[in-house]
Amino acid sequence: MAPSVLIVLHQEHSSPGRVGHRLTALGFRLDIRRPCLGDVLPETLAEHAGAIIFGGPQSANDCHDYVRAEIDWIGVPLREAKPYLGICLGAQMLARHLGAPVAPHPEGLVEIGYYPIKATDAGAGLLGAGEFGPEIWPDHVYHWHREGFGLAHGAELLARGRTFPNQAFRYGRHAYGIQFHPEVTHQMMCRWTVKGGERLNLPNARPRSAHFFDRLQYDARVRRWLDAFIDHWIAGSMDKRVQAA
């Protein structure tokens, strides 16, 4: 049986989008769980190649039992040295687990739409040995958040932004957090901008038309980066599969 990747989602109809597509193309099964609906997270990742916690409308500062439980649970992949990826809320949960703050912008600004980022030297070197070199990093990525994360002690910053300075980081060899949403498909964008349309009126949010216009400009590079990043992220587990074969 093909190995599985644990997928943690935060709404009934949420989707892992292109991250899920890439993992299934690489031969992994998706073990999808929604703790907000009562699903239980595993006590160990011995049967999983890695884990991804996606975004959602919740805050990492919420007092809901399942939010606190998810933050505590991140200790499982960290202790077992299994690949962990946090996307938006999942990155903020990783930051909280490591003792860093998660908070709104001091001026109440948000990032909803496409905004520029720039890889640090460490970020540029992360995928620099690949087919495309450091230039594979996109210069604009898709966001949908009102809070950002601080950088925990021992974490390495991989990408910076203007409104929220910390956009991507690595902790240890296997744990990553990214503030943006490379997984979003066109269908997901349509749904988010309709169901979450009231958020497009928040300070610094991009108008709905800009989401789709900017997607035409920037999405090809985001998708190329995502494929290379997921390949890099899961490589440790794939190497173990080869050694065990």
Foldseek 3Di string as FASTA:
>chain_A
DFAAEEEEEADPPDDLFVLVVLQVVVPHHYNYDYVNVPGDDDPACPRHQYYEYEDDPDACPDPDPSSVVVLCSVVRCVVVVHAYEYEARGLQSPLVNLPWDKAFQPVQADAAAKFFKAFDPVQQVLLQVDPPGSVLDFGIFGADDGIDIDAHVQKAATMQGDRHGGAKIDHPDHYIYGNGCLRDDPVNLVVCCVVVVVCCPTHPRDHSVRRVVVCVVTNVSSSSSSSSVSCSNSVVSVVVVVVVD
